Amino acid sequence: MTVPGPAPTRGRGAVVLVEGESDRVALLTLARARGLGYDLPVVAMGGITNLGRHLAATPDDVRPVVLHDAGESAYVARTVARSGREVSLHVCDADLEDELIRALGVPAALEVVEAAGDLGAWRTLRRQPFHRGRDDAPVLRRFLGTTSGRKARYAALLVAALDPAAAPRPLTEALDGLLR
């Protein structure tokens, strides 16, 4: 497994530290939809447990912005406190996928799945005994995480399907925090 390197060392400004590649892809796709391009300092840390290392590697004149899942809030708070850094925190209610599905709506998200050619795989998962009778939203979240690379692929597709003005609050705030 390759562990991503430390945050970029660009002088002055900010860097967004995100848990994984899907978060990075989602932010960069949203940035492009907002006319900001792709060349922004957004770093996938390879998991939230690498936050301390990335905060330590971020130069003092670079403001860290962190996007993370609600379930990681206690860990993030402890790590940020230990770092002694002022950090702008932005929290996804459950996770990125939950935020994107809620922002787009399940019917529109399933249209994205169909357009991507994965409707057959979706239907197969939906027929599994555990998922029968469950609401589509949690099953769709599970679907996005069942195949390697699917989260990042769908992060781009789901964000691209959104009106940029309807993007989830944690993503827009993290991106705005980068641009301040």
C-alpha atoms as a PDB file:
ATOM      1  CA  MET A   1       0.000   0.000   0.000  1.00  0.00           C
ATOM      2  CA  THR A   2       1.334   3.415  -0.933  1.00  0.00           C
ATOM      3  CA  VAL A   3       1.022   6.102   1.706  1.00  0.00           C
ATOM      4  CA  PRO A   4       0.527   9.577   0.248  1.00  0.00           C
ATOM      5  CA  GLY A   5       3.240  12.105   0.918  1.00  0.00           C
ATOM      6  CA  PRO A   6       2.851  15.149   3.115  1.00  0.00           C
ATOM      7  CA  ALA A   7       0.781  18.161   2.192  1.00  0.00           C
ATOM      8  CA  PRO A   8       2.116  20.389  -0.576  1.00  0.00           C
ATOM      9  CA  THR A   9       4.544  23.057   0.546  1.00  0.00           C
ATOM     10  CA  ARG A  10       3.177  25.959  -1.441  1.00  0.00           C
ATOM     11  CA  GLY A  11       3.733  29.180   0.430  1.00  0.00           C
ATOM     12  CA  ARG A  12       0.871  31.179   1.923  1.00  0.00           C
ATOM     13  CA  GLY A  13      -2.694  30.161   1.392  1.00  0.00           C
ATOM     14  CA  ALA A  14      -4.431  26.973   2.373  1.00  0.00           C
ATOM     15  CA  VAL A  15      -4.477  23.260   1.720  1.00  0.00           C
ATOM     16  CA  VAL A  16      -7.496  20.981   2.037  1.00  0.00           C
ATOM     17  CA  LEU A  17      -6.712  17.665   3.706  1.00  0.00           C
ATOM     18  CA  VAL A  18      -9.269  14.959   2.960  1.00  0.00           C
ATOM     19  CA  GLU A  19      -9.569  11.356   4.056  1.00  0.00           C
ATOM     20  CA  GLY A  20      -9.377   9.661   0.685  1.00  0.00           C
ATOM     21  CA  GLU A  21      -9.268   9.885  -3.067  1.00  0.00           C
ATOM     22  CA  SER A  22     -13.049  10.098  -3.483  1.00  0.00           C
ATOM     23  CA  ASP A  23     -13.134  13.238  -1.318  1.00  0.00           C
ATOM     24  CA  ARG A  24     -10.294  14.765  -3.358  1.00  0.00           C
ATOM     25  CA  VAL A  25     -12.022  13.949  -6.644  1.00  0.00           C
ATOM     26  CA  ALA A  26     -15.340  15.368  -5.405  1.00  0.00           C
ATOM     27  CA  LEU A  27     -13.746  18.669  -4.339  1.00  0.00           C
ATOM     28  CA  LEU A  28     -11.791  19.056  -7.565  1.00  0.00           C
ATOM     29  CA  THR A  29     -14.868  18.234  -9.665  1.00  0.00           C
ATOM     30  CA  LEU A  30     -16.892  20.811  -7.741  1.00  0.00           C
ATOM     31  CA  ALA A  31     -14.086  23.355  -8.145  1.00  0.00           C
ATOM     32  CA  ARG A  32     -14.091  22.826 -11.887  1.00  0.00           C
ATOM     33  CA  ALA A  33     -17.899  23.151 -12.024  1.00  0.00           C
ATOM     34  CA  ARG A  34     -17.510  26.471 -10.203  1.00  0.00           C
ATOM     35  CA  GLY A  35     -14.929  27.610 -12.760  1.00  0.00           C
ATOM     36  CA  LEU A  36     -11.927  27.242 -10.465  1.00  0.00           C
ATOM     37  CA  GLY A  37     -10.008  24.582 -12.396  1.00  0.00           C
ATOM     38  CA  TYR A  38      -8.352  21.422 -11.064  1.00  0.00           C
ATOM     39  CA  ASP A  39      -5.000  22.786  -9.890  1.00  0.00           C
ATOM     40  CA  LEU A  40      -5.920  23.279  -6.255  1.00  0.00           C
ATOM     41  CA  PRO A  41      -4.033  22.006  -3.201  1.00  0.00           C
ATOM     42  CA  VAL A  42      -6.369  19.189  -2.145  1.00  0.00           C
ATOM     43  CA  VAL A  43      -4.541  16.251  -0.580  1.00  0.00           C
ATOM     44  CA  ALA A  44      -5.953  12.755  -0.047  1.00  0.00           C
ATOM     45  CA  MET A  45      -4.287  11.590   3.167  1.00  0.00           C
ATOM     46  CA  GLY A  46      -4.871   7.867   2.664  1.00  0.00           C
ATOM     47  CA  GLY A  47      -7.100   7.727   5.731  1.00  0.00           C
ATOM     48  CA  ILE A  48      -7.911  10.067   8.575  1.00  0.00           C
ATOM     49  CA  THR A  49      -5.298   8.426  10.804  1.00  0.00           C
ATOM     50  CA  ASN A  50      -2.648  10.204   8.719  1.00  0.00           C
ATOM     51  CA  LEU A  51      -3.995  13.632   9.731  1.00  0.00           C
ATOM     52  CA  GLY A  52      -1.321  14.282  12.380  1.00  0.00           C
ATOM     53  CA  ARG A  53       1.498  13.618   9.938  1.00  0.00           C
ATOM     54  CA  HIS A  54      -0.065  15.886   7.320  1.00  0.00           C
ATOM     55  CA  LEU A  55      -0.683  18.704   9.792  1.00  0.00           C
ATOM     56  CA  ALA A  56       2.930  18.470  10.961  1.00  0.00           C
ATOM     57  CA  ALA A  57       4.157  18.611   7.333  1.00  0.00           C
ATOM     58  CA  THR A  58       2.023  21.632   6.448  1.00  0.00           C
ATOM     59  CA  PRO A  59       4.110  24.827   6.607  1.00  0.00           C
ATOM     60  CA  ASP A  60       3.120  27.397   9.225  1.00  0.00           C
ATOM     61  CA  ASP A  61       2.120  29.914   6.555  1.00  0.00           C
ATOM     62  CA  VAL A  62      -0.348  27.444   4.997  1.00  0.00           C
ATOM     63  CA  ARG A  63      -3.787  27.217   6.615  1.00  0.00           C
ATOM     64  CA  PRO A  64      -5.073  23.621   6.926  1.00  0.00           C
ATOM     65  CA  VAL A  65      -8.689  22.943   5.958  1.00  0.00           C
ATOM     66  CA  VAL A  66      -9.924  19.453   6.853  1.00  0.00           C
ATOM     67  CA  LEU A  67     -12.918  17.618   5.384  1.00  0.00           C
ATOM     68  CA  HIS A  68     -13.874  14.462   7.284  1.00  0.00           C
ATOM     69  CA  ASP A  69     -16.746  12.161   8.228  1.00  0.00           C
ATOM     70  CA  ALA A  70     -18.789  12.764  11.380  1.00  0.00           C
ATOM     71  CA  GLY A  71     -17.713   9.412  12.818  1.00  0.00           C
ATOM     72  CA  GLU A  72     -14.117  10.653  12.859  1.00  0.00           C
ATOM     73  CA  SER A  73     -14.830  13.927  14.700  1.00  0.00           C
ATOM     74  CA  ALA A  74     -13.454  12.872  18.097  1.00  0.00           C
ATOM     75  CA  TYR A  75     -10.209  11.621  16.549  1.00  0.00           C
ATOM     76  CA  VAL A  76      -9.892  14.756  14.408  1.00  0.00           C
ATOM     77  CA  ALA A  77     -10.481  17.033  17.426  1.00  0.00           C
ATOM     78  CA  ARG A  78      -7.776  15.248  19.469  1.00  0.00           C
ATOM     79  CA  THR A  79      -5.315  15.305  16.579  1.00  0.00           C
ATOM     80  CA  VAL A  80      -5.912  18.981  15.827  1.00  0.00           C
ATOM     81  CA  ALA A  81      -5.539  19.865  19.536  1.00  0.00           C
ATOM     82  CA  ARG A  82      -2.204  17.997  19.696  1.00  0.00           C
ATOM     83  CA  SER A  83      -0.990  19.814  16.589  1.00  0.00           C
ATOM     84  CA  GLY A  84      -1.522  23.248  18.106  1.00  0.00           C
ATOM     85  CA  ARG A  85      -2.657  24.452  14.670  1.00  0.00           C
ATOM     86  CA  GLU A  86      -5.681  26.529  13.821  1.00  0.00           C
ATOM     87  CA  VAL A  87      -7.611  24.272  11.463  1.00  0.00           C
ATOM     88  CA  SER A  88     -10.836  24.869   9.575  1.00  0.00           C
ATOM     89  CA  LEU A  89     -12.982  21.732   9.994  1.00  0.00           C
ATOM     90  CA  HIS A  90     -15.807  20.639   7.679  1.00  0.00           C
ATOM     91  CA  VAL A  91     -17.821  17.538   8.513  1.00  0.00           C
ATOM     92  CA  CYS A  92     -19.881  15.221   6.305  1.00  0.00           C
ATOM     93  CA  ASP A  93     -22.929  13.989   8.267  1.00  0.00           C
ATOM     94  CA  ALA A  94     -22.188  10.317   7.609  1.00  0.00           C
ATOM     95  CA  ASP A  95     -19.690  10.387   4.774  1.00  0.00           C
ATOM     96  CA  LEU A  96     -19.126  11.921   1.360  1.00  0.00           C
ATOM     97  CA  GLU A  97     -21.350   9.402  -0.384  1.00  0.00           C
ATOM     98  CA  ASP A  98     -24.244  10.136   1.973  1.00  0.00           C
ATOM     99  CA  GLU A  99     -23.856  13.868   1.341  1.00  0.00           C
ATOM    100  CA  LEU A 100     -23.833  13.413  -2.441  1.00  0.00           C
ATOM    101  CA  ILE A 101     -26.806  11.028  -2.508  1.00  0.00           C
ATOM    102  CA  ARG A 102     -28.883  13.378  -0.329  1.00  0.00           C
ATOM    103  CA  ALA A 103     -27.927  16.430  -2.397  1.00  0.00           C
ATOM    104  CA  LEU A 104     -28.755  14.743  -5.694  1.00  0.00           C
ATOM    105  CA  GLY A 105     -31.631  12.572  -4.498  1.00  0.00           C
ATOM    106  CA  VAL A 106     -31.835   8.803  -4.877  1.00  0.00           C
ATOM    107  CA  PRO A 107     -33.711   8.798  -8.220  1.00  0.00           C
ATOM    108  CA  ALA A 108     -31.150  11.125  -9.848  1.00  0.00           C
ATOM    109  CA  ALA A 109     -28.246   9.189  -8.273  1.00  0.00           C
ATOM    110  CA  LEU A 110     -29.643   5.982  -9.753  1.00  0.00           C
ATOM    111  CA  GLU A 111     -29.829   7.710 -13.143  1.00  0.00           C
ATOM    112  CA  VAL A 112     -26.088   8.351 -12.761  1.00  0.00           C
ATOM    113  CA  VAL A 113     -25.562   4.654 -11.944  1.00  0.00           C
ATOM    114  CA  GLU A 114     -27.545   3.701 -15.039  1.00  0.00           C
ATOM    115  CA  ALA A 115     -25.656   6.161 -17.269  1.00  0.00           C
ATOM    116  CA  ALA A 116     -22.374   4.724 -15.953  1.00  0.00           C
ATOM    117  CA  GLY A 117     -23.456   1.232 -17.018  1.00  0.00           C
ATOM    118  CA  ASP A 118     -23.696  -0.173 -13.505  1.00  0.00           C
ATOM    119  CA  LEU A 119     -27.445  -0.688 -13.198  1.00  0.00           C
ATOM    120  CA  GLY A 120     -27.013  -4.477 -13.457  1.00  0.00           C
ATOM    121  CA  ALA A 121     -24.527  -4.503 -10.581  1.00  0.00           C
ATOM    122  CA  TRP A 122     -26.877  -2.249  -8.566  1.00  0.00           C
ATOM    123  CA  ARG A 123     -29.785  -4.640  -9.152  1.00  0.00           C
ATOM    124  CA  THR A 124     -27.645  -7.619  -8.127  1.00  0.00           C
ATOM    125  CA  LEU A 125     -26.737  -5.939  -4.842  1.00  0.00           C
ATOM    126  CA  ARG A 126     -30.349  -4.877  -4.316  1.00  0.00           C
ATOM    127  CA  ARG A 127     -31.479  -8.531  -4.602  1.00  0.00           C
ATOM    128  CA  GLN A 128     -29.143  -9.707  -1.833  1.00  0.00           C
ATOM    129  CA  PRO A 129     -31.140 -10.914   1.209  1.00  0.00           C
ATOM    130  CA  PHE A 130     -29.679  -8.283   3.551  1.00  0.00           C
ATOM    131  CA  HIS A 131     -30.656  -5.417   1.228  1.00  0.00           C
ATOM    132  CA  ARG A 132     -34.182  -6.560   0.347  1.00  0.00           C
ATOM    133  CA  GLY A 133     -36.719  -4.198   1.846  1.00  0.00           C
ATOM    134  CA  ARG A 134     -34.111  -1.600   2.867  1.00  0.00           C
ATOM    135  CA  ASP A 135     -34.347   1.996   1.723  1.00  0.00           C
ATOM    136  CA  ASP A 136     -32.412   2.704  -1.461  1.00  0.00           C
ATOM    137  CA  ALA A 137     -30.153   5.417   0.042  1.00  0.00           C
ATOM    138  CA  PRO A 138     -28.155   3.198   2.447  1.00  0.00           C
ATOM    139  CA  VAL A 139     -27.944   0.431  -0.149  1.00  0.00           C
ATOM    140  CA  LEU A 140     -26.664   2.943  -2.691  1.00  0.00           C
ATOM    141  CA  ARG A 141     -23.994   4.084  -0.195  1.00  0.00           C
ATOM    142  CA  ARG A 142     -22.964   0.449   0.198  1.00  0.00           C
ATOM    143  CA  PHE A 143     -22.968  -0.030  -3.582  1.00  0.00           C
ATOM    144  CA  LEU A 144     -20.535   2.852  -4.029  1.00  0.00           C
ATOM    145  CA  GLY A 145     -18.033   1.176  -1.711  1.00  0.00           C
ATOM    146  CA  THR A 146     -18.218  -2.419  -2.964  1.00  0.00           C
ATOM    147  CA  THR A 147     -15.672  -2.258  -5.788  1.00  0.00           C
ATOM    148  CA  SER A 148     -12.160  -0.811  -5.760  1.00  0.00           C
ATOM    149  CA  GLY A 149     -12.119   2.640  -7.332  1.00  0.00           C
ATOM    150  CA  ARG A 150     -15.901   2.966  -7.441  1.00  0.00           C
ATOM    151  CA  LYS A 151     -16.083   5.639  -4.725  1.00  0.00           C
ATOM    152  CA  ALA A 152     -13.721   7.972  -6.583  1.00  0.00           C
ATOM    153  CA  ARG A 153     -15.359   7.285  -9.934  1.00  0.00           C
ATOM    154  CA  TYR A 154     -18.813   8.045  -8.572  1.00  0.00           C
ATOM    155  CA  ALA A 155     -17.616  11.045  -6.580  1.00  0.00           C
ATOM    156  CA  ALA A 156     -16.831  12.704  -9.907  1.00  0.00           C
ATOM    157  CA  LEU A 157     -20.010  11.472 -11.599  1.00  0.00           C
ATOM    158  CA  LEU A 158     -22.362  12.458  -8.771  1.00  0.00           C
ATOM    159  CA  VAL A 159     -20.807  15.897  -8.295  1.00  0.00           C
ATOM    160  CA  ALA A 160     -20.926  16.487 -12.063  1.00  0.00           C
ATOM    161  CA  ALA A 161     -24.649  15.637 -12.010  1.00  0.00           C
ATOM    162  CA  LEU A 162     -25.308  18.269  -9.323  1.00  0.00           C
ATOM    163  CA  ASP A 163     -26.105  21.894  -9.880  1.00  0.00           C
ATOM    164  CA  PRO A 164     -23.011  23.487  -8.239  1.00  0.00           C
ATOM    165  CA  ALA A 165     -25.355  25.666  -6.160  1.00  0.00           C
ATOM    166  CA  ALA A 166     -26.885  22.475  -4.692  1.00  0.00           C
ATOM    167  CA  ALA A 167     -23.566  20.897  -3.704  1.00  0.00           C
ATOM    168  CA  PRO A 168     -23.381  19.597  -0.120  1.00  0.00           C
ATOM    169  CA  ARG A 169     -22.515  22.219   2.476  1.00  0.00           C
ATOM    170  CA  PRO A 170     -19.338  20.502   3.795  1.00  0.00           C
ATOM    171  CA  LEU A 171     -17.858  20.394   0.282  1.00  0.00           C
ATOM    172  CA  THR A 172     -18.724  23.988  -0.569  1.00  0.00           C
ATOM    173  CA  GLU A 173     -17.456  25.243   2.782  1.00  0.00           C
ATOM    174  CA  ALA A 174     -14.188  23.292   2.487  1.00  0.00           C
ATOM    175  CA  LEU A 175     -13.651  24.657  -1.009  1.00  0.00           C
ATOM    176  CA  ASP A 176     -14.524  28.182   0.142  1.00  0.00           C
ATOM    177  CA  GLY A 177     -12.087  27.728   3.052  1.00  0.00           C
ATOM    178  CA  LEU A 178      -9.356  26.962   0.557  1.00  0.00           C
ATOM    179  CA  LEU A 179     -10.075  30.129  -1.401  1.00  0.00           C
ATOM    180  CA  ARG A 180     -10.190  32.553   1.550  1.00  0.00           C
END
